[in-house]
Amino acid sequence: VEILLQEYETCNRRYQQIMDLVEEQLREVPYAEKLLQIKGIGIVAVAGFIAAVGDVARFKSPEQIIKLLGLNIRENSSGKHKGKTTITRRGRADGRYAMFQAVLPLIAKNAEFRELHHYYTQREERPLKKIQSVVALACKLIRIFHAILRTGRDYDAKKMRNDIKRPMRAAA
């Protein structure tokens, strides 16, 4: 048991050293601290995104990053056959995994993402399955990261909530 405890302490020290190095590297990325201000986003999520994508300035639009990570939608159909739509999975699996893992705590801790997830899964027209909603939110998070890293703007929760389409209320 003593040997296992020593090994555990060694692993914890090594983990802390690695996390310190990751934090040090993130400080060198412009506007990375603004990504960490989003409630529910941690160092691992930001580091995973930046490690997979690299310099965001080389992408003109966030759709290029979505395609790089293999999160773009494709339809499996031909002729009269209409197949189902899925993500392509052609891109970087590590970045796709990082974004997927980043969205799960966001749904739990961030009110805007939770509200958008609820909207996607409970809407009247074409509701999404939960996993489809998580993928859609991962793409949304990529667009947010792209905008913050390119322009240096702060995260705006009101803009995030504007994506929810609410039915028009009839005038009384």
C-alpha atoms as a PDB file:
ATOM      1  CA  VAL A   1       0.000   0.000   0.000  1.00  0.00           C
ATOM      2  CA  GLU A   2       2.867   2.341   0.775  1.00  0.00           C
ATOM      3  CA  ILE A   3       4.362   1.806  -2.676  1.00  0.00           C
ATOM      4  CA  LEU A   4       1.002   2.561  -4.302  1.00  0.00           C
ATOM      5  CA  LEU A   5       0.658   5.776  -2.296  1.00  0.00           C
ATOM      6  CA  GLN A   6       4.137   6.880  -3.373  1.00  0.00           C
ATOM      7  CA  GLU A   7       3.293   6.123  -6.991  1.00  0.00           C
ATOM      8  CA  TYR A   8       0.040   8.061  -6.647  1.00  0.00           C
ATOM      9  CA  GLU A   9       1.884  11.077  -5.221  1.00  0.00           C
ATOM     10  CA  THR A  10       4.456  10.883  -8.022  1.00  0.00           C
ATOM     11  CA  CYS A  11       1.703  10.824 -10.640  1.00  0.00           C
ATOM     12  CA  ASN A  12      -0.040  13.775  -8.981  1.00  0.00           C
ATOM     13  CA  ARG A  13       3.184  15.808  -8.950  1.00  0.00           C
ATOM     14  CA  ARG A  14       3.810  14.997 -12.614  1.00  0.00           C
ATOM     15  CA  TYR A  15       0.222  15.931 -13.485  1.00  0.00           C
ATOM     16  CA  GLN A  16       0.616  19.269 -11.694  1.00  0.00           C
ATOM     17  CA  GLN A  17       3.882  19.951 -13.565  1.00  0.00           C
ATOM     18  CA  ILE A  18       2.172  19.261 -16.886  1.00  0.00           C
ATOM     19  CA  MET A  19      -0.773  21.505 -16.019  1.00  0.00           C
ATOM     20  CA  ASP A  20       1.638  24.298 -15.028  1.00  0.00           C
ATOM     21  CA  LEU A  21       3.360  23.958 -18.408  1.00  0.00           C
ATOM     22  CA  VAL A  22       0.003  24.057 -20.199  1.00  0.00           C
ATOM     23  CA  GLU A  23      -0.984  27.217 -18.301  1.00  0.00           C
ATOM     24  CA  GLU A  24       2.354  28.794 -19.156  1.00  0.00           C
ATOM     25  CA  GLN A  25       1.898  27.994 -22.857  1.00  0.00           C
ATOM     26  CA  LEU A  26      -1.687  29.340 -22.820  1.00  0.00           C
ATOM     27  CA  ARG A  27      -0.474  32.685 -21.475  1.00  0.00           C
ATOM     28  CA  GLU A  28       1.440  33.127 -24.728  1.00  0.00           C
ATOM     29  CA  VAL A  29      -1.702  32.754 -26.872  1.00  0.00           C
ATOM     30  CA  PRO A  30      -3.383  36.124 -27.424  1.00  0.00           C
ATOM     31  CA  TYR A  31      -6.910  36.369 -25.960  1.00  0.00           C
ATOM     32  CA  ALA A  32      -6.800  32.844 -24.477  1.00  0.00           C
ATOM     33  CA  GLU A  33      -7.656  34.292 -21.069  1.00  0.00           C
ATOM     34  CA  LYS A  34     -10.937  35.558 -22.556  1.00  0.00           C
ATOM     35  CA  LEU A  35     -11.882  31.978 -23.449  1.00  0.00           C
ATOM     36  CA  LEU A  36     -11.317  30.946 -19.843  1.00  0.00           C
ATOM     37  CA  GLN A  37     -13.791  33.624 -18.694  1.00  0.00           C
ATOM     38  CA  ILE A  38     -16.671  31.633 -20.209  1.00  0.00           C
ATOM     39  CA  LYS A  39     -18.405  29.824 -17.372  1.00  0.00           C
ATOM     40  CA  GLY A  40     -17.800  26.073 -17.708  1.00  0.00           C
ATOM     41  CA  ILE A  41     -14.678  26.304 -19.901  1.00  0.00           C
ATOM     42  CA  GLY A  42     -11.443  25.073 -18.386  1.00  0.00           C
ATOM     43  CA  ILE A  43      -7.780  25.048 -19.234  1.00  0.00           C
ATOM     44  CA  VAL A  44      -7.923  21.549 -20.714  1.00  0.00           C
ATOM     45  CA  ALA A  45     -10.695  22.526 -23.153  1.00  0.00           C
ATOM     46  CA  VAL A  46      -8.906  25.656 -24.350  1.00  0.00           C
ATOM     47  CA  ALA A  47      -5.564  23.870 -24.604  1.00  0.00           C
ATOM     48  CA  GLY A  48      -7.149  20.984 -26.521  1.00  0.00           C
ATOM     49  CA  PHE A  49      -8.764  23.368 -28.987  1.00  0.00           C
ATOM     50  CA  ILE A  50      -5.609  25.406 -29.557  1.00  0.00           C
ATOM     51  CA  ALA A  51      -3.464  22.264 -29.821  1.00  0.00           C
ATOM     52  CA  ALA A  52      -5.763  20.801 -32.473  1.00  0.00           C
ATOM     53  CA  VAL A  53      -6.335  23.996 -34.457  1.00  0.00           C
ATOM     54  CA  GLY A  54      -3.164  26.001 -33.981  1.00  0.00           C
ATOM     55  CA  ASP A  55      -3.242  29.644 -35.003  1.00  0.00           C
ATOM     56  CA  VAL A  56      -6.861  30.669 -35.543  1.00  0.00           C
ATOM     57  CA  ALA A  57      -5.797  33.619 -37.699  1.00  0.00           C
ATOM     58  CA  ARG A  58      -5.088  31.275 -40.611  1.00  0.00           C
ATOM     59  CA  PHE A  59      -8.811  30.424 -40.869  1.00  0.00           C
ATOM     60  CA  LYS A  60     -11.111  32.900 -42.587  1.00  0.00           C
ATOM     61  CA  SER A  61     -14.266  31.415 -41.129  1.00  0.00           C
ATOM     62  CA  PRO A  62     -15.175  29.096 -38.259  1.00  0.00           C
ATOM     63  CA  GLU A  63     -16.655  26.631 -40.759  1.00  0.00           C
ATOM     64  CA  GLN A  64     -13.097  25.842 -41.854  1.00  0.00           C
ATOM     65  CA  ILE A  65     -12.247  24.871 -38.280  1.00  0.00           C
ATOM     66  CA  ILE A  66     -15.432  22.809 -38.027  1.00  0.00           C
ATOM     67  CA  LYS A  67     -14.392  20.971 -41.177  1.00  0.00           C
ATOM     68  CA  LEU A  68     -10.822  20.547 -39.894  1.00  0.00           C
ATOM     69  CA  LEU A  69     -12.171  18.811 -36.804  1.00  0.00           C
ATOM     70  CA  GLY A  70     -14.589  16.648 -38.814  1.00  0.00           C
ATOM     71  CA  LEU A  71     -17.750  18.072 -37.272  1.00  0.00           C
ATOM     72  CA  ASN A  72     -19.322  19.135 -40.575  1.00  0.00           C
ATOM     73  CA  ILE A  73     -22.544  17.438 -41.651  1.00  0.00           C
ATOM     74  CA  ARG A  74     -22.860  15.066 -44.591  1.00  0.00           C
ATOM     75  CA  GLU A  75     -25.829  13.187 -45.946  1.00  0.00           C
ATOM     76  CA  ASN A  76     -25.573   9.550 -46.944  1.00  0.00           C
ATOM     77  CA  SER A  77     -27.933   9.434 -49.917  1.00  0.00           C
ATOM     78  CA  SER A  78     -27.932   8.652 -53.601  1.00  0.00           C
ATOM     79  CA  GLY A  79     -30.579   8.772 -56.301  1.00  0.00           C
ATOM     80  CA  LYS A  80     -33.995   8.173 -54.771  1.00  0.00           C
ATOM     81  CA  HIS A  81     -32.534   6.993 -51.465  1.00  0.00           C
ATOM     82  CA  LYS A  82     -32.400   9.655 -48.747  1.00  0.00           C
ATOM     83  CA  GLY A  83     -30.063   8.564 -45.975  1.00  0.00           C
ATOM     84  CA  LYS A  84     -29.497  10.092 -42.596  1.00  0.00           C
ATOM     85  CA  THR A  85     -27.131  12.960 -41.928  1.00  0.00           C
ATOM     86  CA  THR A  86     -24.051  12.436 -39.775  1.00  0.00           C
ATOM     87  CA  ILE A  87     -20.804  14.228 -39.067  1.00  0.00           C
ATOM     88  CA  THR A  88     -17.994  13.368 -41.453  1.00  0.00           C
ATOM     89  CA  ARG A  89     -15.369  12.425 -38.823  1.00  0.00           C
ATOM     90  CA  ARG A  90     -12.724  13.162 -41.456  1.00  0.00           C
ATOM     91  CA  GLY A  91     -10.780  15.659 -39.440  1.00  0.00           C
ATOM     92  CA  ARG A  92      -8.660  15.672 -36.348  1.00  0.00           C
ATOM     93  CA  ALA A  93     -10.073  13.248 -33.823  1.00  0.00           C
ATOM     94  CA  ASP A  94      -8.229  14.804 -30.888  1.00  0.00           C
ATOM     95  CA  GLY A  95      -9.759  18.226 -31.539  1.00  0.00           C
ATOM     96  CA  ARG A  96     -13.206  16.739 -32.094  1.00  0.00           C
ATOM     97  CA  TYR A  97     -12.906  14.871 -28.785  1.00  0.00           C
ATOM     98  CA  ALA A  98     -11.699  18.013 -26.996  1.00  0.00           C
ATOM     99  CA  MET A  99     -14.663  20.036 -28.246  1.00  0.00           C
ATOM    100  CA  PHE A 100     -17.142  17.297 -27.401  1.00  0.00           C
ATOM    101  CA  GLN A 101     -15.706  17.009 -23.883  1.00  0.00           C
ATOM    102  CA  ALA A 102     -15.752  20.802 -23.501  1.00  0.00           C
ATOM    103  CA  VAL A 103     -19.465  21.050 -24.299  1.00  0.00           C
ATOM    104  CA  LEU A 104     -20.627  18.552 -21.666  1.00  0.00           C
ATOM    105  CA  PRO A 105     -19.656  20.701 -18.640  1.00  0.00           C
ATOM    106  CA  LEU A 106     -20.957  23.768 -20.485  1.00  0.00           C
ATOM    107  CA  ILE A 107     -24.423  22.244 -20.687  1.00  0.00           C
ATOM    108  CA  ALA A 108     -24.263  21.491 -16.966  1.00  0.00           C
ATOM    109  CA  LYS A 109     -22.784  24.779 -15.720  1.00  0.00           C
ATOM    110  CA  ASN A 110     -23.516  27.500 -18.288  1.00  0.00           C
ATOM    111  CA  ALA A 111     -27.104  28.768 -18.373  1.00  0.00           C
ATOM    112  CA  GLU A 112     -26.952  29.926 -22.015  1.00  0.00           C
ATOM    113  CA  PHE A 113     -25.669  26.610 -23.341  1.00  0.00           C
ATOM    114  CA  ARG A 114     -28.137  24.694 -21.153  1.00  0.00           C
ATOM    115  CA  GLU A 115     -31.002  26.815 -22.508  1.00  0.00           C
ATOM    116  CA  LEU A 116     -29.856  26.309 -26.101  1.00  0.00           C
ATOM    117  CA  HIS A 117     -29.482  22.544 -25.539  1.00  0.00           C
ATOM    118  CA  HIS A 118     -33.007  22.416 -24.119  1.00  0.00           C
ATOM    119  CA  TYR A 119     -34.290  24.386 -27.110  1.00  0.00           C
ATOM    120  CA  TYR A 120     -32.596  22.062 -29.615  1.00  0.00           C
ATOM    121  CA  THR A 121     -33.958  18.909 -27.979  1.00  0.00           C
ATOM    122  CA  GLN A 122     -37.473  20.169 -27.163  1.00  0.00           C
ATOM    123  CA  ARG A 123     -38.417  22.360 -30.129  1.00  0.00           C
ATOM    124  CA  GLU A 124     -41.616  21.649 -32.054  1.00  0.00           C
ATOM    125  CA  GLU A 125     -40.116  21.399 -35.545  1.00  0.00           C
ATOM    126  CA  ARG A 126     -37.354  18.837 -36.060  1.00  0.00           C
ATOM    127  CA  PRO A 127     -36.130  18.353 -32.496  1.00  0.00           C
ATOM    128  CA  LEU A 128     -32.591  17.021 -32.235  1.00  0.00           C
ATOM    129  CA  LYS A 129     -31.491  13.982 -30.289  1.00  0.00           C
ATOM    130  CA  LYS A 130     -29.290  14.783 -27.319  1.00  0.00           C
ATOM    131  CA  ILE A 131     -26.048  13.753 -29.028  1.00  0.00           C
ATOM    132  CA  GLN A 132     -26.974  15.807 -32.110  1.00  0.00           C
ATOM    133  CA  SER A 133     -27.551  18.792 -29.853  1.00  0.00           C
ATOM    134  CA  VAL A 134     -24.130  18.304 -28.245  1.00  0.00           C
ATOM    135  CA  VAL A 135     -22.505  18.276 -31.697  1.00  0.00           C
ATOM    136  CA  ALA A 136     -24.421  21.423 -32.693  1.00  0.00           C
ATOM    137  CA  LEU A 137     -23.279  23.104 -29.480  1.00  0.00           C
ATOM    138  CA  ALA A 138     -19.685  22.027 -30.150  1.00  0.00           C
ATOM    139  CA  CYS A 139     -19.904  23.786 -33.520  1.00  0.00           C
ATOM    140  CA  LYS A 140     -21.391  26.820 -31.760  1.00  0.00           C
ATOM    141  CA  LEU A 141     -18.491  26.783 -29.288  1.00  0.00           C
ATOM    142  CA  ILE A 142     -16.013  26.666 -32.165  1.00  0.00           C
ATOM    143  CA  ARG A 143     -17.665  29.749 -33.682  1.00  0.00           C
ATOM    144  CA  ILE A 144     -17.446  31.532 -30.323  1.00  0.00           C
ATOM    145  CA  PHE A 145     -13.773  30.568 -29.859  1.00  0.00           C
ATOM    146  CA  HIS A 146     -13.003  31.727 -33.400  1.00  0.00           C
ATOM    147  CA  ALA A 147     -14.661  35.098 -32.865  1.00  0.00           C
ATOM    148  CA  ILE A 148     -12.946  35.714 -29.526  1.00  0.00           C
ATOM    149  CA  LEU A 149      -9.491  34.648 -30.712  1.00  0.00           C
ATOM    150  CA  ARG A 150      -9.726  36.639 -33.965  1.00  0.00           C
ATOM    151  CA  THR A 151     -11.220  39.868 -32.640  1.00  0.00           C
ATOM    152  CA  GLY A 152     -10.423  39.871 -28.927  1.00  0.00           C
ATOM    153  CA  ARG A 153     -14.037  40.556 -27.963  1.00  0.00           C
ATOM    154  CA  ASP A 154     -15.466  39.340 -24.690  1.00  0.00           C
ATOM    155  CA  TYR A 155     -18.003  36.511 -24.541  1.00  0.00           C
ATOM    156  CA  ASP A 156     -21.543  37.905 -24.821  1.00  0.00           C
ATOM    157  CA  ALA A 157     -24.284  35.799 -23.239  1.00  0.00           C
ATOM    158  CA  LYS A 158     -27.036  37.937 -24.814  1.00  0.00           C
ATOM    159  CA  LYS A 159     -25.774  37.143 -28.307  1.00  0.00           C
ATOM    160  CA  MET A 160     -25.754  33.474 -27.405  1.00  0.00           C
ATOM    161  CA  ARG A 161     -29.375  33.601 -26.259  1.00  0.00           C
ATOM    162  CA  ASN A 162     -30.464  35.369 -29.464  1.00  0.00           C
ATOM    163  CA  ASP A 163     -29.950  32.122 -31.379  1.00  0.00           C
ATOM    164  CA  ILE A 164     -33.011  30.639 -29.716  1.00  0.00           C
ATOM    165  CA  LYS A 165     -35.959  31.189 -32.036  1.00  0.00           C
ATOM    166  CA  ARG A 166     -38.986  32.006 -29.953  1.00  0.00           C
ATOM    167  CA  PRO A 167     -42.486  31.855 -31.422  1.00  0.00           C
ATOM    168  CA  MET A 168     -44.084  35.218 -32.084  1.00  0.00           C
ATOM    169  CA  ARG A 169     -46.741  35.998 -29.530  1.00  0.00           C
ATOM    170  CA  ALA A 170     -50.077  37.151 -30.892  1.00  0.00           C
ATOM    171  CA  ALA A 171     -51.067  40.670 -29.952  1.00  0.00           C
ATOM    172  CA  ALA A 172     -53.956  40.640 -27.501  1.00  0.00           C
END
